[in-house]
Amino acid sequence: MKAKELRNLSEGELQKKLSEFRKELFNLRFQHATSQLENVKRIPQVKRDIARVLTVLREKRMESR
């Protein structure tokens, strides 16, 4: 997801996206450990998505202060 798309979401929706990305990362790591993961490039993509969500959440919290 792009940061522009994330900025249009509410804090609740961002929290939901964050939990989804973290679950996906867990599942990808598990698949990788058991040699079932075909697309290894997805792991860094999900990590970047998590970082983007956290950044946008922090921006929104700083704006509300």
N, C-alpha and C. Protein backbone atom coordinates (compact mmCIF):
# COMPACT_ATOMS: atom_id res chain seq x y z
N MET A 1 0.84 -1.19 0.00
CA MET A 1 0.00 0.00 0.00
C MET A 1 0.88 1.24 0.00
N LYS A 2 0.37 2.28 -0.61
CA LYS A 2 1.10 3.53 -0.65
C LYS A 2 0.70 4.40 0.53
N ALA A 3 1.60 5.29 0.91
CA ALA A 3 1.35 6.17 2.05
C ALA A 3 0.13 7.07 1.79
N LYS A 4 -0.05 7.50 0.54
CA LYS A 4 -1.21 8.34 0.20
C LYS A 4 -2.51 7.63 0.53
N GLU A 5 -2.58 6.36 0.18
CA GLU A 5 -3.78 5.58 0.45
C GLU A 5 -4.00 5.42 1.94
N LEU A 6 -2.92 5.24 2.68
CA LEU A 6 -3.03 5.05 4.13
C LEU A 6 -3.46 6.32 4.83
N ARG A 7 -3.05 7.48 4.32
CA ARG A 7 -3.41 8.74 4.96
C ARG A 7 -4.91 9.02 4.88
N ASN A 8 -5.59 8.39 3.94
CA ASN A 8 -7.03 8.59 3.80
C ASN A 8 -7.84 7.74 4.77
N LEU A 9 -7.19 6.83 5.47
CA LEU A 9 -7.89 5.94 6.40
C LEU A 9 -7.94 6.55 7.80
N SER A 10 -8.92 6.12 8.58
CA SER A 10 -9.02 6.58 9.97
C SER A 10 -8.04 5.80 10.84
N GLU A 11 -7.89 6.23 12.08
CA GLU A 11 -6.96 5.55 12.98
C GLU A 11 -7.39 4.11 13.25
N GLY A 12 -8.68 3.90 13.38
CA GLY A 12 -9.19 2.54 13.60
C GLY A 12 -8.88 1.62 12.42
N GLU A 13 -9.07 2.14 11.23
CA GLU A 13 -8.78 1.35 10.03
C GLU A 13 -7.28 1.08 9.91
N LEU A 14 -6.47 2.06 10.31
CA LEU A 14 -5.02 1.87 10.28
C LEU A 14 -4.59 0.79 11.27
N GLN A 15 -5.20 0.79 12.45
CA GLN A 15 -4.90 -0.24 13.44
C GLN A 15 -5.26 -1.62 12.91
N LYS A 16 -6.39 -1.69 12.21
CA LYS A 16 -6.83 -2.96 11.63
C LYS A 16 -5.84 -3.43 10.55
N LYS A 17 -5.41 -2.49 9.68
CA LYS A 17 -4.42 -2.82 8.65
C LYS A 17 -3.13 -3.30 9.29
N LEU A 18 -2.71 -2.62 10.36
CA LEU A 18 -1.47 -2.99 11.04
C LEU A 18 -1.54 -4.41 11.56
N SER A 19 -2.65 -4.77 12.18
CA SER A 19 -2.77 -6.14 12.70
C SER A 19 -2.81 -7.16 11.56
N GLU A 20 -3.45 -6.79 10.44
CA GLU A 20 -3.47 -7.70 9.28
C GLU A 20 -2.07 -7.91 8.73
N PHE A 21 -1.30 -6.82 8.60
CA PHE A 21 0.06 -6.94 8.08
C PHE A 21 0.95 -7.75 9.02
N ARG A 22 0.77 -7.57 10.33
CA ARG A 22 1.58 -8.32 11.28
C ARG A 22 1.24 -9.82 11.24
N LYS A 23 -0.03 -10.13 11.08
CA LYS A 23 -0.43 -11.55 10.95
C LYS A 23 0.15 -12.14 9.67
N GLU A 24 0.09 -11.36 8.59
CA GLU A 24 0.64 -11.83 7.32
C GLU A 24 2.14 -12.07 7.43
N LEU A 25 2.84 -11.15 8.10
CA LEU A 25 4.29 -11.32 8.28
C LEU A 25 4.59 -12.57 9.09
N PHE A 26 3.82 -12.82 10.14
CA PHE A 26 4.01 -14.02 10.94
C PHE A 26 3.83 -15.27 10.08
N ASN A 27 2.76 -15.28 9.28
CA ASN A 27 2.50 -16.44 8.42
C ASN A 27 3.59 -16.62 7.38
N LEU A 28 4.08 -15.51 6.81
CA LEU A 28 5.16 -15.61 5.83
C LEU A 28 6.43 -16.17 6.45
N ARG A 29 6.75 -15.70 7.65
CA ARG A 29 7.95 -16.21 8.33
C ARG A 29 7.80 -17.70 8.64
N PHE A 30 6.61 -18.09 9.05
CA PHE A 30 6.36 -19.49 9.35
C PHE A 30 6.52 -20.35 8.09
N GLN A 31 5.95 -19.88 6.98
CA GLN A 31 6.08 -20.60 5.71
C GLN A 31 7.54 -20.67 5.27
N HIS A 32 8.26 -19.59 5.49
CA HIS A 32 9.68 -19.56 5.10
C HIS A 32 10.48 -20.58 5.92
N ALA A 33 10.17 -20.66 7.21
CA ALA A 33 10.89 -21.58 8.08
C ALA A 33 10.63 -23.03 7.72
N THR A 34 9.44 -23.30 7.19
CA THR A 34 9.09 -24.67 6.83
C THR A 34 9.30 -24.94 5.34
N SER A 35 9.98 -24.04 4.67
CA SER A 35 10.31 -24.15 3.24
C SER A 35 9.08 -24.27 2.34
N GLN A 36 8.00 -23.60 2.70
CA GLN A 36 6.79 -23.62 1.90
C GLN A 36 6.55 -22.29 1.18
N LEU A 37 7.39 -21.30 1.45
CA LEU A 37 7.20 -19.97 0.88
C LEU A 37 7.80 -19.91 -0.52
N GLU A 38 6.97 -19.52 -1.49
CA GLU A 38 7.44 -19.43 -2.86
C GLU A 38 7.96 -18.03 -3.19
N ASN A 39 7.27 -17.00 -2.71
CA ASN A 39 7.65 -15.62 -3.00
C ASN A 39 8.33 -15.00 -1.78
N VAL A 40 9.63 -15.14 -1.69
CA VAL A 40 10.39 -14.66 -0.54
C VAL A 40 10.42 -13.13 -0.51
N LYS A 41 10.25 -12.49 -1.65
CA LYS A 41 10.28 -11.03 -1.73
C LYS A 41 9.12 -10.37 -1.00
N ARG A 42 8.11 -11.13 -0.68
CA ARG A 42 6.93 -10.57 -0.01
C ARG A 42 7.25 -10.16 1.43
N ILE A 43 8.21 -10.81 2.08
CA ILE A 43 8.54 -10.50 3.47
C ILE A 43 8.99 -9.05 3.62
N PRO A 44 9.98 -8.57 2.85
CA PRO A 44 10.36 -7.16 3.01
C PRO A 44 9.26 -6.19 2.60
N GLN A 45 8.41 -6.58 1.66
CA GLN A 45 7.29 -5.71 1.27
C GLN A 45 6.33 -5.51 2.43
N VAL A 46 6.03 -6.59 3.14
CA VAL A 46 5.11 -6.50 4.28
C VAL A 46 5.75 -5.69 5.40
N LYS A 47 7.06 -5.86 5.61
CA LYS A 47 7.75 -5.07 6.63
C LYS A 47 7.66 -3.58 6.32
N ARG A 48 7.82 -3.23 5.05
CA ARG A 48 7.71 -1.82 4.65
C ARG A 48 6.30 -1.30 4.84
N ASP A 49 5.30 -2.14 4.55
CA ASP A 49 3.92 -1.74 4.75
C ASP A 49 3.63 -1.48 6.23
N ILE A 50 4.19 -2.32 7.09
CA ILE A 50 4.02 -2.12 8.53
C ILE A 50 4.65 -0.79 8.94
N ALA A 51 5.84 -0.51 8.44
CA ALA A 51 6.51 0.74 8.76
C ALA A 51 5.70 1.94 8.26
N ARG A 52 5.12 1.83 7.07
CA ARG A 52 4.30 2.92 6.53
C ARG A 52 3.08 3.18 7.41
N VAL A 53 2.42 2.11 7.83
CA VAL A 53 1.24 2.27 8.68
C VAL A 53 1.63 2.92 9.99
N LEU A 54 2.73 2.47 10.59
CA LEU A 54 3.17 3.06 11.85
C LEU A 54 3.52 4.53 11.68
N THR A 55 4.12 4.88 10.57
CA THR A 55 4.48 6.27 10.30
C THR A 55 3.23 7.14 10.17
N VAL A 56 2.25 6.67 9.41
CA VAL A 56 1.03 7.44 9.23
C VAL A 56 0.27 7.55 10.54
N LEU A 57 0.24 6.49 11.34
CA LEU A 57 -0.40 6.56 12.65
C LEU A 57 0.26 7.61 13.53
N ARG A 58 1.58 7.64 13.51
CA ARG A 58 2.30 8.62 14.32
C ARG A 58 2.02 10.04 13.83
N GLU A 59 1.97 10.23 12.51
CA GLU A 59 1.65 11.54 11.95
C GLU A 59 0.27 12.00 12.41
N LYS A 60 -0.71 11.09 12.37
CA LYS A 60 -2.06 11.45 12.77
C LYS A 60 -2.12 11.80 14.26
N ARG A 61 -1.38 11.07 15.07
CA ARG A 61 -1.36 11.36 16.50
C ARG A 61 -0.68 12.69 16.80
N MET A 62 0.35 13.02 16.03
CA MET A 62 1.03 14.30 16.22
C MET A 62 0.13 15.47 15.78
N GLU A 63 -0.67 15.27 14.76
CA GLU A 63 -1.59 16.31 14.30
C GLU A 63 -2.66 16.62 15.34
N SER A 64 -3.11 15.59 16.03
CA SER A 64 -4.20 15.77 17.00
C SER A 64 -3.74 16.44 18.29
N ARG A 65 -2.45 16.57 18.49
CA ARG A 65 -1.95 17.22 19.72
C ARG A 65 -2.09 18.69 19.67
